[in-house]
Amino acid sequence: MSKLTLKTEGDKHVVVTRRFDAPPEAVYRAHTEPALLQKWLLGPDGWTMPVCVSEARPGGRIRFEWTDGKGGGFHLTGEYLELEPFSRIVHVERMHLPDPTPDNRVETTFKPDGDGTLFTLRMTLPDAATREAMLATGMEHGMEASYARLDAMDNLVSP
């Protein structure tokens, strides 16, 4: 059962929320440190991320490359705009499928929730058509598969 909630706002926004059983510091680190990202941000089973660049600073580059091990794959590029350690990340990303999609501005917050974290990811797309095309991919299934993998990581809470 998915713990992820996906909602739309207006005609250009997608808001994803999920609770994680780890403190905000750990969930934030898992979203910025390459070695951790490569363990969980994989989408459906069978995919890997052989290339992970995450320069977690304003102006820092983002590049994630995924492969299904059967000749299929895609990548994402972007830049970090703002980082407030352990509480907020703002970045811009574009998927390359193979052509780049329009910029997606993403604000992610990590708020304490008991002994866990309330995670909120708010995407701002350029227009309604881009948002609908993105939602039509069924992205929430790959997102939840990744988030479930993150939640199951034994060493998530250790530095």
N, C-alpha and C. Protein backbone atom coordinates (compact mmCIF):
# COMPACT_ATOMS: atom_id res chain seq x y z
N MET A 1 0.83 -1.18 0.00
CA MET A 1 0.00 0.00 0.00
C MET A 1 0.88 1.25 0.00
N SER A 2 0.58 2.18 -0.87
CA SER A 2 1.37 3.39 -1.01
C SER A 2 1.16 4.32 0.18
N LYS A 3 2.26 4.89 0.65
CA LYS A 3 2.19 5.90 1.70
C LYS A 3 2.23 7.29 1.09
N LEU A 4 2.42 7.35 -0.22
CA LEU A 4 2.55 8.61 -0.93
C LEU A 4 1.17 9.18 -1.25
N THR A 5 1.04 10.50 -1.10
CA THR A 5 -0.17 11.20 -1.51
C THR A 5 0.22 12.19 -2.59
N LEU A 6 -0.46 12.17 -3.71
CA LEU A 6 -0.19 13.08 -4.81
C LEU A 6 -1.45 13.89 -5.08
N LYS A 7 -1.31 15.22 -5.10
CA LYS A 7 -2.43 16.12 -5.38
C LYS A 7 -1.99 17.15 -6.39
N THR A 8 -2.95 17.72 -7.10
CA THR A 8 -2.65 18.83 -8.00
C THR A 8 -3.21 20.11 -7.40
N GLU A 9 -2.55 21.22 -7.73
CA GLU A 9 -3.01 22.54 -7.32
C GLU A 9 -3.00 23.42 -8.56
N GLY A 10 -4.06 24.21 -8.73
CA GLY A 10 -4.11 25.07 -9.91
C GLY A 10 -3.91 24.25 -11.15
N ASP A 11 -3.25 24.83 -12.16
CA ASP A 11 -3.03 24.06 -13.39
C ASP A 11 -1.56 23.75 -13.65
N LYS A 12 -0.65 24.15 -12.72
CA LYS A 12 0.77 23.93 -12.95
C LYS A 12 1.51 23.23 -11.81
N HIS A 13 0.80 22.85 -10.75
CA HIS A 13 1.48 22.32 -9.57
C HIS A 13 1.10 20.88 -9.28
N VAL A 14 2.08 20.14 -8.77
CA VAL A 14 1.88 18.79 -8.24
C VAL A 14 2.49 18.80 -6.85
N VAL A 15 1.75 18.29 -5.87
CA VAL A 15 2.24 18.24 -4.49
C VAL A 15 2.23 16.79 -4.03
N VAL A 16 3.39 16.31 -3.62
CA VAL A 16 3.55 14.95 -3.13
C VAL A 16 3.90 15.03 -1.65
N THR A 17 3.19 14.27 -0.83
CA THR A 17 3.52 14.20 0.59
C THR A 17 3.70 12.74 0.99
N ARG A 18 4.56 12.55 1.98
CA ARG A 18 4.81 11.20 2.50
C ARG A 18 5.47 11.32 3.86
N ARG A 19 5.19 10.41 4.72
CA ARG A 19 5.86 10.36 6.02
C ARG A 19 6.93 9.28 5.97
N PHE A 20 8.10 9.62 6.52
CA PHE A 20 9.20 8.68 6.62
C PHE A 20 9.48 8.38 8.08
N ASP A 21 9.90 7.14 8.37
CA ASP A 21 10.21 6.71 9.73
C ASP A 21 11.67 6.99 10.07
N ALA A 22 12.12 8.21 9.78
CA ALA A 22 13.48 8.64 10.09
C ALA A 22 13.42 10.15 10.33
N PRO A 23 14.38 10.69 11.07
CA PRO A 23 14.36 12.13 11.36
C PRO A 23 14.67 12.97 10.11
N PRO A 24 14.27 14.24 10.12
CA PRO A 24 14.51 15.11 8.95
C PRO A 24 15.96 15.15 8.49
N GLU A 25 16.91 15.13 9.43
CA GLU A 25 18.32 15.17 9.05
C GLU A 25 18.67 14.01 8.13
N ALA A 26 18.19 12.83 8.47
CA ALA A 26 18.50 11.63 7.69
C ALA A 26 17.81 11.65 6.33
N VAL A 27 16.56 12.07 6.29
CA VAL A 27 15.82 12.09 5.02
C VAL A 27 16.42 13.17 4.10
N TYR A 28 16.79 14.30 4.65
CA TYR A 28 17.46 15.36 3.87
C TYR A 28 18.77 14.84 3.28
N ARG A 29 19.60 14.20 4.12
CA ARG A 29 20.88 13.66 3.63
C ARG A 29 20.64 12.65 2.50
N ALA A 30 19.60 11.83 2.64
CA ALA A 30 19.30 10.84 1.61
C ALA A 30 18.90 11.49 0.29
N HIS A 31 18.47 12.74 0.34
CA HIS A 31 18.09 13.48 -0.87
C HIS A 31 19.23 14.31 -1.46
N THR A 32 20.37 14.38 -0.77
CA THR A 32 21.46 15.21 -1.27
C THR A 32 22.78 14.47 -1.44
N GLU A 33 23.02 13.38 -0.73
CA GLU A 33 24.31 12.68 -0.78
C GLU A 33 24.29 11.59 -1.85
N PRO A 34 25.19 11.70 -2.84
CA PRO A 34 25.19 10.73 -3.95
C PRO A 34 25.19 9.27 -3.53
N ALA A 35 26.01 8.89 -2.56
CA ALA A 35 26.09 7.48 -2.16
C ALA A 35 24.75 6.97 -1.64
N LEU A 36 24.00 7.84 -0.96
CA LEU A 36 22.68 7.44 -0.47
C LEU A 36 21.64 7.46 -1.60
N LEU A 37 21.66 8.48 -2.43
CA LEU A 37 20.71 8.56 -3.55
C LEU A 37 20.78 7.32 -4.42
N GLN A 38 21.99 6.82 -4.68
CA GLN A 38 22.16 5.65 -5.55
C GLN A 38 21.60 4.37 -4.95
N LYS A 39 21.32 4.38 -3.66
CA LYS A 39 20.76 3.18 -3.01
C LYS A 39 19.24 3.13 -3.09
N TRP A 40 18.57 4.29 -3.18
CA TRP A 40 17.12 4.26 -3.09
C TRP A 40 16.38 4.92 -4.25
N LEU A 41 16.95 5.92 -4.92
CA LEU A 41 16.23 6.67 -5.95
C LEU A 41 16.31 5.93 -7.29
N LEU A 42 15.65 4.78 -7.34
CA LEU A 42 15.80 3.87 -8.48
C LEU A 42 14.51 3.59 -9.23
N GLY A 43 13.38 4.04 -8.71
CA GLY A 43 12.12 3.72 -9.36
C GLY A 43 11.79 2.24 -9.19
N PRO A 44 11.18 1.65 -10.22
CA PRO A 44 10.77 0.24 -10.12
C PRO A 44 11.97 -0.70 -9.92
N ASP A 45 11.71 -1.86 -9.35
CA ASP A 45 12.76 -2.86 -9.17
C ASP A 45 13.43 -3.16 -10.50
N GLY A 46 14.75 -3.41 -10.43
CA GLY A 46 15.51 -3.74 -11.62
C GLY A 46 16.28 -2.57 -12.21
N TRP A 47 15.98 -1.36 -11.76
CA TRP A 47 16.68 -0.18 -12.27
C TRP A 47 17.85 0.16 -11.35
N THR A 48 18.88 0.78 -11.93
CA THR A 48 20.03 1.26 -11.16
C THR A 48 20.34 2.68 -11.59
N MET A 49 21.17 3.37 -10.77
CA MET A 49 21.61 4.72 -11.07
C MET A 49 23.15 4.71 -11.10
N PRO A 50 23.74 4.39 -12.26
CA PRO A 50 25.20 4.31 -12.31
C PRO A 50 25.89 5.67 -12.23
N VAL A 51 25.19 6.75 -12.59
CA VAL A 51 25.77 8.10 -12.50
C VAL A 51 24.90 8.94 -11.58
N CYS A 52 25.54 9.53 -10.57
CA CYS A 52 24.83 10.38 -9.61
C CYS A 52 25.72 11.56 -9.25
N VAL A 53 25.37 12.72 -9.75
CA VAL A 53 26.06 13.96 -9.38
C VAL A 53 25.06 14.79 -8.60
N SER A 54 25.42 15.14 -7.37
CA SER A 54 24.57 15.96 -6.51
C SER A 54 25.48 16.92 -5.75
N GLU A 55 25.67 18.10 -6.32
CA GLU A 55 26.51 19.12 -5.70
C GLU A 55 25.59 20.01 -4.86
N ALA A 56 25.34 19.57 -3.63
CA ALA A 56 24.32 20.17 -2.77
C ALA A 56 24.76 21.53 -2.21
N ARG A 57 24.70 22.53 -3.08
CA ARG A 57 24.98 23.92 -2.73
C ARG A 57 24.28 24.79 -3.76
N PRO A 58 23.94 26.04 -3.43
CA PRO A 58 23.31 26.89 -4.43
C PRO A 58 24.18 26.98 -5.69
N GLY A 59 23.57 26.73 -6.84
CA GLY A 59 24.30 26.70 -8.10
C GLY A 59 24.91 25.36 -8.43
N GLY A 60 24.85 24.40 -7.50
CA GLY A 60 25.44 23.08 -7.72
C GLY A 60 24.67 22.27 -8.74
N ARG A 61 25.39 21.42 -9.48
CA ARG A 61 24.80 20.60 -10.53
C ARG A 61 24.13 19.36 -9.97
N ILE A 62 23.13 18.91 -10.74
CA ILE A 62 22.45 17.64 -10.48
C ILE A 62 22.46 16.87 -11.80
N ARG A 63 22.85 15.61 -11.74
CA ARG A 63 22.75 14.72 -12.89
C ARG A 63 22.57 13.31 -12.38
N PHE A 64 21.43 12.73 -12.70
CA PHE A 64 21.14 11.35 -12.33
C PHE A 64 20.91 10.58 -13.63
N GLU A 65 21.56 9.43 -13.78
CA GLU A 65 21.36 8.57 -14.95
C GLU A 65 20.88 7.20 -14.47
N TRP A 66 19.75 6.76 -15.05
CA TRP A 66 19.18 5.47 -14.68
C TRP A 66 19.25 4.52 -15.86
N THR A 67 19.37 3.22 -15.56
CA THR A 67 19.33 2.20 -16.58
C THR A 67 18.53 1.01 -16.06
N ASP A 68 17.86 0.34 -16.99
CA ASP A 68 17.12 -0.87 -16.60
C ASP A 68 17.94 -2.13 -16.80
N GLY A 69 19.22 -1.98 -17.23
CA GLY A 69 20.10 -3.12 -17.44
C GLY A 69 19.81 -3.88 -18.72
N LYS A 70 18.85 -3.39 -19.52
CA LYS A 70 18.47 -4.07 -20.77
C LYS A 70 18.58 -3.12 -21.96
N GLY A 71 19.38 -2.06 -21.79
CA GLY A 71 19.54 -1.09 -22.88
C GLY A 71 18.64 0.12 -22.77
N GLY A 72 17.73 0.11 -21.82
CA GLY A 72 16.84 1.25 -21.64
C GLY A 72 17.34 2.16 -20.53
N GLY A 73 16.99 3.42 -20.64
CA GLY A 73 17.38 4.34 -19.59
C GLY A 73 17.04 5.77 -19.95
N PHE A 74 17.30 6.64 -19.01
CA PHE A 74 17.08 8.07 -19.20
C PHE A 74 17.88 8.80 -18.15
N HIS A 75 17.92 10.13 -18.25
CA HIS A 75 18.63 10.88 -17.23
C HIS A 75 17.92 12.19 -16.91
N LEU A 76 18.35 12.79 -15.81
CA LEU A 76 17.80 14.04 -15.31
C LEU A 76 18.96 14.99 -15.06
N THR A 77 18.79 16.25 -15.42
CA THR A 77 19.79 17.27 -15.09
C THR A 77 19.09 18.39 -14.33
N GLY A 78 19.87 19.17 -13.62
CA GLY A 78 19.29 20.28 -12.90
C GLY A 78 20.33 21.05 -12.12
N GLU A 79 19.83 21.98 -11.33
CA GLU A 79 20.67 22.83 -10.50
C GLU A 79 19.96 23.08 -9.18
N TYR A 80 20.76 23.11 -8.12
CA TYR A 80 20.24 23.52 -6.82
C TYR A 80 20.13 25.04 -6.78
N LEU A 81 19.03 25.54 -6.27
CA LEU A 81 18.82 26.98 -6.13
C LEU A 81 19.00 27.43 -4.69
N GLU A 82 18.38 26.71 -3.75
CA GLU A 82 18.45 27.05 -2.33
C GLU A 82 18.51 25.77 -1.51
N LEU A 83 19.29 25.79 -0.44
CA LEU A 83 19.33 24.67 0.49
C LEU A 83 19.35 25.20 1.92
N GLU A 84 18.44 24.73 2.74
CA GLU A 84 18.43 25.00 4.17
C GLU A 84 18.62 23.64 4.82
N PRO A 85 19.86 23.35 5.26
CA PRO A 85 20.16 22.00 5.74
C PRO A 85 19.10 21.43 6.68
N PHE A 86 18.70 20.23 6.33
CA PHE A 86 17.77 19.38 7.07
C PHE A 86 16.32 19.87 7.05
N SER A 87 16.01 20.97 6.32
CA SER A 87 14.61 21.43 6.30
C SER A 87 14.06 21.75 4.91
N ARG A 88 14.90 22.17 3.95
CA ARG A 88 14.33 22.62 2.67
C ARG A 88 15.37 22.57 1.56
N ILE A 89 14.91 22.16 0.38
CA ILE A 89 15.72 22.16 -0.84
C ILE A 89 14.86 22.74 -1.95
N VAL A 90 15.43 23.64 -2.74
CA VAL A 90 14.76 24.13 -3.95
C VAL A 90 15.72 23.87 -5.10
N HIS A 91 15.22 23.21 -6.14
CA HIS A 91 16.05 22.96 -7.31
C HIS A 91 15.20 23.01 -8.57
N VAL A 92 15.87 23.06 -9.70
CA VAL A 92 15.23 22.97 -11.01
C VAL A 92 15.73 21.68 -11.64
N GLU A 93 14.80 20.94 -12.28
CA GLU A 93 15.20 19.71 -12.95
C GLU A 93 14.51 19.59 -14.29
N ARG A 94 15.16 18.81 -15.16
CA ARG A 94 14.57 18.48 -16.45
C ARG A 94 14.92 17.03 -16.77
N MET A 95 13.92 16.28 -17.20
CA MET A 95 14.13 14.90 -17.60
C MET A 95 14.59 14.90 -19.06
N HIS A 96 15.42 13.94 -19.43
CA HIS A 96 15.88 13.78 -20.82
C HIS A 96 15.39 12.41 -21.29
N LEU A 97 14.41 12.43 -22.20
CA LEU A 97 13.69 11.19 -22.56
C LEU A 97 13.68 10.84 -24.05
N PRO A 98 14.55 11.11 -24.95
CA PRO A 98 15.88 11.66 -24.75
C PRO A 98 15.91 13.20 -24.76
N ASP A 99 14.91 13.86 -25.37
CA ASP A 99 14.93 15.32 -25.39
C ASP A 99 14.55 15.86 -24.02
N PRO A 100 15.11 17.00 -23.63
CA PRO A 100 14.81 17.54 -22.30
C PRO A 100 13.37 18.05 -22.19
N THR A 101 12.76 17.78 -21.07
CA THR A 101 11.44 18.33 -20.77
C THR A 101 11.62 19.77 -20.31
N PRO A 102 10.54 20.55 -20.29
CA PRO A 102 10.66 21.91 -19.74
C PRO A 102 11.07 21.86 -18.27
N ASP A 103 11.66 22.95 -17.80
CA ASP A 103 12.11 23.02 -16.41
C ASP A 103 10.96 22.78 -15.44
N ASN A 104 11.26 22.01 -14.42
CA ASN A 104 10.34 21.72 -13.32
C ASN A 104 11.01 22.29 -12.06
N ARG A 105 10.40 23.29 -11.45
CA ARG A 105 10.93 23.86 -10.20
C ARG A 105 10.36 23.04 -9.05
N VAL A 106 11.25 22.54 -8.19
CA VAL A 106 10.84 21.63 -7.13
C VAL A 106 11.28 22.19 -5.78
N GLU A 107 10.32 22.34 -4.89
CA GLU A 107 10.62 22.73 -3.51
C GLU A 107 10.28 21.54 -2.62
N THR A 108 11.25 21.09 -1.84
CA THR A 108 11.08 19.95 -0.96
C THR A 108 11.30 20.40 0.48
N THR A 109 10.37 20.04 1.36
CA THR A 109 10.53 20.36 2.78
C THR A 109 10.53 19.08 3.59
N PHE A 110 11.25 19.14 4.71
CA PHE A 110 11.43 18.02 5.62
C PHE A 110 11.06 18.53 7.02
N LYS A 111 9.90 18.15 7.53
CA LYS A 111 9.45 18.66 8.83
C LYS A 111 9.35 17.53 9.84
N PRO A 112 9.81 17.79 11.09
CA PRO A 112 9.69 16.76 12.12
C PRO A 112 8.23 16.36 12.30
N ASP A 113 8.02 15.05 12.47
CA ASP A 113 6.68 14.51 12.68
C ASP A 113 6.82 13.34 13.66
N GLY A 114 6.72 13.65 14.95
CA GLY A 114 6.97 12.62 15.95
C GLY A 114 8.41 12.17 15.85
N ASP A 115 8.62 10.85 15.68
CA ASP A 115 9.98 10.34 15.51
C ASP A 115 10.34 10.19 14.03
N GLY A 116 9.55 10.78 13.16
CA GLY A 116 9.79 10.69 11.73
C GLY A 116 9.83 12.05 11.06
N THR A 117 9.54 12.03 9.76
CA THR A 117 9.60 13.24 8.94
C THR A 117 8.37 13.31 8.04
N LEU A 118 7.76 14.49 8.00
CA LEU A 118 6.74 14.77 7.00
C LEU A 118 7.45 15.43 5.83
N PHE A 119 7.44 14.76 4.70
CA PHE A 119 8.13 15.15 3.49
C PHE A 119 7.08 15.73 2.54
N THR A 120 7.35 16.93 2.02
CA THR A 120 6.46 17.54 1.03
C THR A 120 7.29 18.00 -0.15
N LEU A 121 6.91 17.58 -1.33
CA LEU A 121 7.60 17.94 -2.57
C LEU A 121 6.58 18.67 -3.44
N ARG A 122 6.87 19.93 -3.77
CA ARG A 122 5.94 20.74 -4.57
C ARG A 122 6.61 21.10 -5.89
N MET A 123 6.05 20.58 -6.96
CA MET A 123 6.57 20.83 -8.31
C MET A 123 5.79 21.96 -8.96
N THR A 124 6.51 22.83 -9.64
CA THR A 124 5.88 23.90 -10.42
C THR A 124 6.31 23.72 -11.87
N LEU A 125 5.35 23.35 -12.70
CA LEU A 125 5.62 23.11 -14.12
C LEU A 125 5.23 24.35 -14.93
N PRO A 126 5.76 24.47 -16.16
CA PRO A 126 5.51 25.69 -16.92
C PRO A 126 4.06 25.88 -17.36
N ASP A 127 3.31 24.78 -17.52
CA ASP A 127 1.93 24.91 -17.98
C ASP A 127 1.16 23.63 -17.70
N ALA A 128 -0.16 23.71 -17.92
CA ALA A 128 -1.03 22.56 -17.64
C ALA A 128 -0.70 21.36 -18.52
N ALA A 129 -0.37 21.60 -19.78
CA ALA A 129 -0.08 20.49 -20.70
C ALA A 129 1.15 19.70 -20.24
N THR A 130 2.18 20.42 -19.80
CA THR A 130 3.39 19.74 -19.30
C THR A 130 3.06 18.92 -18.07
N ARG A 131 2.26 19.50 -17.17
CA ARG A 131 1.89 18.76 -15.96
C ARG A 131 1.10 17.51 -16.31
N GLU A 132 0.14 17.62 -17.21
CA GLU A 132 -0.67 16.46 -17.58
C GLU A 132 0.18 15.37 -18.23
N ALA A 133 1.13 15.77 -19.07
CA ALA A 133 2.01 14.79 -19.70
C ALA A 133 2.85 14.06 -18.65
N MET A 134 3.32 14.80 -17.65
CA MET A 134 4.11 14.19 -16.59
C MET A 134 3.25 13.23 -15.77
N LEU A 135 2.06 13.65 -15.40
CA LEU A 135 1.18 12.79 -14.61
C LEU A 135 0.79 11.53 -15.38
N ALA A 136 0.67 11.63 -16.70
CA ALA A 136 0.27 10.50 -17.53
C ALA A 136 1.32 9.38 -17.54
N THR A 137 2.54 9.68 -17.10
CA THR A 137 3.59 8.66 -17.07
C THR A 137 3.39 7.66 -15.93
N GLY A 138 2.50 7.97 -14.97
CA GLY A 138 2.35 7.10 -13.80
C GLY A 138 3.51 7.25 -12.84
N MET A 139 4.12 8.41 -12.84
CA MET A 139 5.34 8.66 -12.06
C MET A 139 5.21 8.32 -10.59
N GLU A 140 3.98 8.41 -10.05
CA GLU A 140 3.81 8.17 -8.62
C GLU A 140 4.17 6.73 -8.24
N HIS A 141 4.06 5.79 -9.17
CA HIS A 141 4.40 4.39 -8.87
C HIS A 141 5.91 4.22 -8.68
N GLY A 142 6.69 4.83 -9.57
CA GLY A 142 8.15 4.79 -9.43
C GLY A 142 8.60 5.57 -8.21
N MET A 143 7.92 6.70 -7.94
CA MET A 143 8.27 7.49 -6.76
C MET A 143 8.04 6.68 -5.49
N GLU A 144 6.89 6.04 -5.37
CA GLU A 144 6.61 5.28 -4.15
C GLU A 144 7.54 4.07 -4.02
N ALA A 145 7.88 3.43 -5.14
CA ALA A 145 8.84 2.32 -5.07
C ALA A 145 10.17 2.82 -4.49
N SER A 146 10.61 3.99 -4.95
CA SER A 146 11.85 4.57 -4.43
C SER A 146 11.70 4.95 -2.97
N TYR A 147 10.60 5.62 -2.62
CA TYR A 147 10.41 6.06 -1.24
C TYR A 147 10.29 4.88 -0.28
N ALA A 148 9.66 3.80 -0.70
CA ALA A 148 9.58 2.60 0.14
C ALA A 148 10.98 2.04 0.38
N ARG A 149 11.82 2.07 -0.67
CA ARG A 149 13.19 1.61 -0.54
C ARG A 149 13.96 2.50 0.45
N LEU A 150 13.74 3.82 0.36
CA LEU A 150 14.38 4.74 1.30
C LEU A 150 13.93 4.46 2.73
N ASP A 151 12.64 4.29 2.92
CA ASP A 151 12.11 4.04 4.26
C ASP A 151 12.67 2.74 4.86
N ALA A 152 13.01 1.79 4.02
CA ALA A 152 13.51 0.48 4.49
C ALA A 152 15.01 0.45 4.74
N MET A 153 15.70 1.53 4.40
CA MET A 153 17.17 1.53 4.57
C MET A 153 17.53 1.48 6.05
N ASP A 154 18.28 0.43 6.45
CA ASP A 154 18.66 0.25 7.84
C ASP A 154 19.58 1.35 8.34
N ASN A 155 20.49 1.81 7.50
CA ASN A 155 21.50 2.77 7.96
C ASN A 155 21.09 4.21 7.73
N LEU A 156 19.82 4.47 7.45
CA LEU A 156 19.37 5.82 7.15
C LEU A 156 19.59 6.77 8.32
N VAL A 157 19.42 6.30 9.53
CA VAL A 157 19.51 7.20 10.67
C VAL A 157 20.94 7.40 11.17
N SER A 158 21.89 6.62 10.69
CA SER A 158 23.27 6.81 11.15
C SER A 158 23.98 7.79 10.22
N PRO A 159 24.89 8.62 10.76
CA PRO A 159 25.58 9.61 9.94
C PRO A 159 26.53 8.98 8.94
